Amino acid sequence: MRQKDVYFKYSTEEQFTGEYWINGVKIYCKVILVTGFDSEDKYVPHNISDLYRVLSCDLFMKTSDRTNHMMPRAHKDDDHDGISIQITKTNLILQVGKSNGFQNATGYAILKYIKVT
């Protein structure tokens, strides 16, 4: 039996992906715009109601020289700390170290998640 093709559009609005998690619940996707940050944690409201579990978060930040940086970022030396991503019921949070230089960077977090049923 041929599996049905699934297509969805990436959007800043919540989208059902056409996929189901291992327990049969629907998987959703939403794109979140993330703008510059430096040495302060960055809080970005995701506006997802009934968020239960994040399955993946893909985020690259593009700097003014067109370099793309993957987040989270495991980078530690005498001048930098890493960046981690935390997702709560209300926010996507970039927890940043003391020196990161992403003030003018922009990116899009692509979240895949399931909701409370």
C-alpha atoms as a PDB file:
ATOM      1  CA  MET A   1       0.000   0.000   0.000  1.00  0.00           C
ATOM      2  CA  ARG A   2       1.412   3.401  -0.987  1.00  0.00           C
ATOM      3  CA  GLN A   3       1.715   5.972   1.791  1.00  0.00           C
ATOM      4  CA  LYS A   4      -0.166   9.215   1.129  1.00  0.00           C
ATOM      5  CA  ASP A   5       2.084  12.228   0.496  1.00  0.00           C
ATOM      6  CA  VAL A   6       1.863  14.936   3.153  1.00  0.00           C
ATOM      7  CA  TYR A   7       2.398  18.609   2.360  1.00  0.00           C
ATOM      8  CA  PHE A   8       2.134  21.598   4.636  1.00  0.00           C
ATOM      9  CA  LYS A   9       3.239  25.188   4.445  1.00  0.00           C
ATOM     10  CA  TYR A  10       5.712  26.580   6.962  1.00  0.00           C
ATOM     11  CA  SER A  11       3.969  29.465   8.661  1.00  0.00           C
ATOM     12  CA  THR A  12       4.004  31.713  11.703  1.00  0.00           C
ATOM     13  CA  GLU A  13       0.515  30.286  12.254  1.00  0.00           C
ATOM     14  CA  GLU A  14       0.114  26.837  13.787  1.00  0.00           C
ATOM     15  CA  GLN A  15      -0.108  24.078  11.156  1.00  0.00           C
ATOM     16  CA  PHE A  16      -1.033  20.407  11.452  1.00  0.00           C
ATOM     17  CA  THR A  17       1.827  18.565   9.709  1.00  0.00           C
ATOM     18  CA  GLY A  18      -0.230  15.563   8.609  1.00  0.00           C
ATOM     19  CA  GLU A  19       1.937  13.423  10.895  1.00  0.00           C
ATOM     20  CA  TYR A  20       1.061  11.661  14.146  1.00  0.00           C
ATOM     21  CA  TRP A  21       3.180  10.983  17.241  1.00  0.00           C
ATOM     22  CA  ILE A  22       3.777   7.444  18.562  1.00  0.00           C
ATOM     23  CA  ASN A  23       0.625   7.615  20.704  1.00  0.00           C
ATOM     24  CA  GLY A  24      -1.535   8.728  17.762  1.00  0.00           C
ATOM     25  CA  VAL A  25      -1.820  12.455  18.562  1.00  0.00           C
ATOM     26  CA  LYS A  26      -1.368  15.084  15.873  1.00  0.00           C
ATOM     27  CA  ILE A  27       2.015  16.789  15.342  1.00  0.00           C
ATOM     28  CA  TYR A  28       1.928  20.540  14.766  1.00  0.00           C
ATOM     29  CA  CYS A  29       4.495  22.982  13.403  1.00  0.00           C
ATOM     30  CA  LYS A  30       4.932  26.707  13.935  1.00  0.00           C
ATOM     31  CA  VAL A  31       7.649  29.147  12.864  1.00  0.00           C
ATOM     32  CA  ILE A  32       8.752  31.739  15.453  1.00  0.00           C
ATOM     33  CA  LEU A  33      10.677  34.873  14.459  1.00  0.00           C
ATOM     34  CA  VAL A  34      13.702  35.500  16.708  1.00  0.00           C
ATOM     35  CA  THR A  35      15.514  38.839  16.557  1.00  0.00           C
ATOM     36  CA  GLY A  36      18.815  40.041  18.010  1.00  0.00           C
ATOM     37  CA  PHE A  37      20.199  39.402  21.462  1.00  0.00           C
ATOM     38  CA  ASP A  38      23.509  39.752  23.245  1.00  0.00           C
ATOM     39  CA  SER A  39      24.333  39.002  26.859  1.00  0.00           C
ATOM     40  CA  GLU A  40      20.743  38.979  28.154  1.00  0.00           C
ATOM     41  CA  ASP A  41      18.372  36.042  27.943  1.00  0.00           C
ATOM     42  CA  LYS A  42      15.887  36.513  25.101  1.00  0.00           C
ATOM     43  CA  TYR A  43      12.205  35.740  25.737  1.00  0.00           C
ATOM     44  CA  VAL A  44      10.020  35.253  22.650  1.00  0.00           C
ATOM     45  CA  PRO A  45       6.314  34.483  23.167  1.00  0.00           C
ATOM     46  CA  HIS A  46       5.310  31.526  20.991  1.00  0.00           C
ATOM     47  CA  ASN A  47       1.538  31.875  21.472  1.00  0.00           C
ATOM     48  CA  ILE A  48       0.909  28.124  21.322  1.00  0.00           C
ATOM     49  CA  SER A  49      -2.111  27.081  23.344  1.00  0.00           C
ATOM     50  CA  ASP A  50      -2.116  23.742  25.160  1.00  0.00           C
ATOM     51  CA  LEU A  51       1.559  22.982  24.390  1.00  0.00           C
ATOM     52  CA  TYR A  52       2.418  19.557  25.792  1.00  0.00           C
ATOM     53  CA  ARG A  53       5.749  18.416  24.358  1.00  0.00           C
ATOM     54  CA  VAL A  54       8.224  19.924  21.922  1.00  0.00           C
ATOM     55  CA  LEU A  55       9.546  17.283  19.524  1.00  0.00           C
ATOM     56  CA  SER A  56      12.107  19.471  17.772  1.00  0.00           C
ATOM     57  CA  CYS A  57      13.330  23.034  17.528  1.00  0.00           C
ATOM     58  CA  ASP A  58      15.471  24.057  14.569  1.00  0.00           C
ATOM     59  CA  LEU A  59      16.925  27.560  14.837  1.00  0.00           C
ATOM     60  CA  PHE A  60      19.659  29.269  12.864  1.00  0.00           C
ATOM     61  CA  MET A  61      20.524  32.935  13.425  1.00  0.00           C
ATOM     62  CA  LYS A  62      21.863  34.884  10.438  1.00  0.00           C
ATOM     63  CA  THR A  63      24.275  37.748  11.168  1.00  0.00           C
ATOM     64  CA  SER A  64      24.839  40.863   9.050  1.00  0.00           C
ATOM     65  CA  ASP A  65      27.759  39.191   7.223  1.00  0.00           C
ATOM     66  CA  ARG A  66      25.304  36.428   6.139  1.00  0.00           C
ATOM     67  CA  THR A  67      26.823  33.790   8.387  1.00  0.00           C
ATOM     68  CA  ASN A  68      24.302  31.320   9.800  1.00  0.00           C
ATOM     69  CA  HIS A  69      24.782  30.099  13.379  1.00  0.00           C
ATOM     70  CA  MET A  70      23.004  27.026  14.723  1.00  0.00           C
ATOM     71  CA  MET A  71      21.245  27.337  18.078  1.00  0.00           C
ATOM     72  CA  PRO A  72      21.705  25.983  20.653  1.00  0.00           C
ATOM     73  CA  ARG A  73      25.355  26.786  20.510  1.00  0.00           C
ATOM     74  CA  ALA A  74      27.901  24.858  22.523  1.00  0.00           C
ATOM     75  CA  HIS A  75      30.759  27.344  22.585  1.00  0.00           C
ATOM     76  CA  LYS A  76      32.870  28.097  25.621  1.00  0.00           C
ATOM     77  CA  ASP A  77      36.233  29.778  25.930  1.00  0.00           C
ATOM     78  CA  ASP A  78      37.621  32.726  27.902  1.00  0.00           C
ATOM     79  CA  ASP A  79      35.422  35.160  25.989  1.00  0.00           C
ATOM     80  CA  HIS A  80      32.170  33.305  25.195  1.00  0.00           C
ATOM     81  CA  ASP A  81      29.554  31.102  26.767  1.00  0.00           C
ATOM     82  CA  GLY A  82      27.140  28.793  25.042  1.00  0.00           C
ATOM     83  CA  ILE A  83      23.510  29.469  24.197  1.00  0.00           C
ATOM     84  CA  SER A  84      20.744  27.093  25.161  1.00  0.00           C
ATOM     85  CA  ILE A  85      17.092  26.971  24.151  1.00  0.00           C
ATOM     86  CA  GLN A  86      14.330  26.441  26.662  1.00  0.00           C
ATOM     87  CA  ILE A  87      10.645  26.286  25.723  1.00  0.00           C
ATOM     88  CA  THR A  88       8.064  26.897  28.433  1.00  0.00           C
ATOM     89  CA  LYS A  89       4.272  26.955  28.227  1.00  0.00           C
ATOM     90  CA  THR A  90       4.459  30.584  27.070  1.00  0.00           C
ATOM     91  CA  ASN A  91       7.934  31.421  25.718  1.00  0.00           C
ATOM     92  CA  LEU A  92      10.853  30.281  23.620  1.00  0.00           C
ATOM     93  CA  ILE A  93      13.850  31.374  25.715  1.00  0.00           C
ATOM     94  CA  LEU A  94      17.405  31.741  24.480  1.00  0.00           C
ATOM     95  CA  GLN A  95      19.625  31.496  27.541  1.00  0.00           C
ATOM     96  CA  VAL A  96      22.791  33.273  26.506  1.00  0.00           C
ATOM     97  CA  GLY A  97      26.300  33.657  27.834  1.00  0.00           C
ATOM     98  CA  LYS A  98      28.129  36.906  28.506  1.00  0.00           C
ATOM     99  CA  SER A  99      29.521  37.581  25.018  1.00  0.00           C
ATOM    100  CA  ASN A 100      27.718  36.432  21.903  1.00  0.00           C
ATOM    101  CA  GLY A 101      27.424  39.326  19.448  1.00  0.00           C
ATOM    102  CA  PHE A 102      24.021  38.483  17.969  1.00  0.00           C
ATOM    103  CA  GLN A 103      22.512  41.959  18.469  1.00  0.00           C
ATOM    104  CA  ASN A 104      21.696  42.406  14.767  1.00  0.00           C
ATOM    105  CA  ALA A 105      21.003  38.772  13.932  1.00  0.00           C
ATOM    106  CA  THR A 106      17.645  37.347  12.909  1.00  0.00           C
ATOM    107  CA  GLY A 107      16.373  33.820  12.668  1.00  0.00           C
ATOM    108  CA  TYR A 108      13.371  31.549  12.573  1.00  0.00           C
ATOM    109  CA  ALA A 109      12.737  28.785  15.090  1.00  0.00           C
ATOM    110  CA  ILE A 110      10.817  25.899  13.543  1.00  0.00           C
ATOM    111  CA  LEU A 111       8.988  24.111  16.344  1.00  0.00           C
ATOM    112  CA  LYS A 112       7.357  20.706  15.972  1.00  0.00           C
ATOM    113  CA  TYR A 113       5.204  19.751  18.942  1.00  0.00           C
ATOM    114  CA  ILE A 114       2.184  17.950  20.291  1.00  0.00           C
ATOM    115  CA  LYS A 115      -0.642  19.466  22.300  1.00  0.00           C
ATOM    116  CA  VAL A 116      -2.525  18.446  25.420  1.00  0.00           C
ATOM    117  CA  THR A 117      -5.377  16.162  24.375  1.00  0.00           C
END
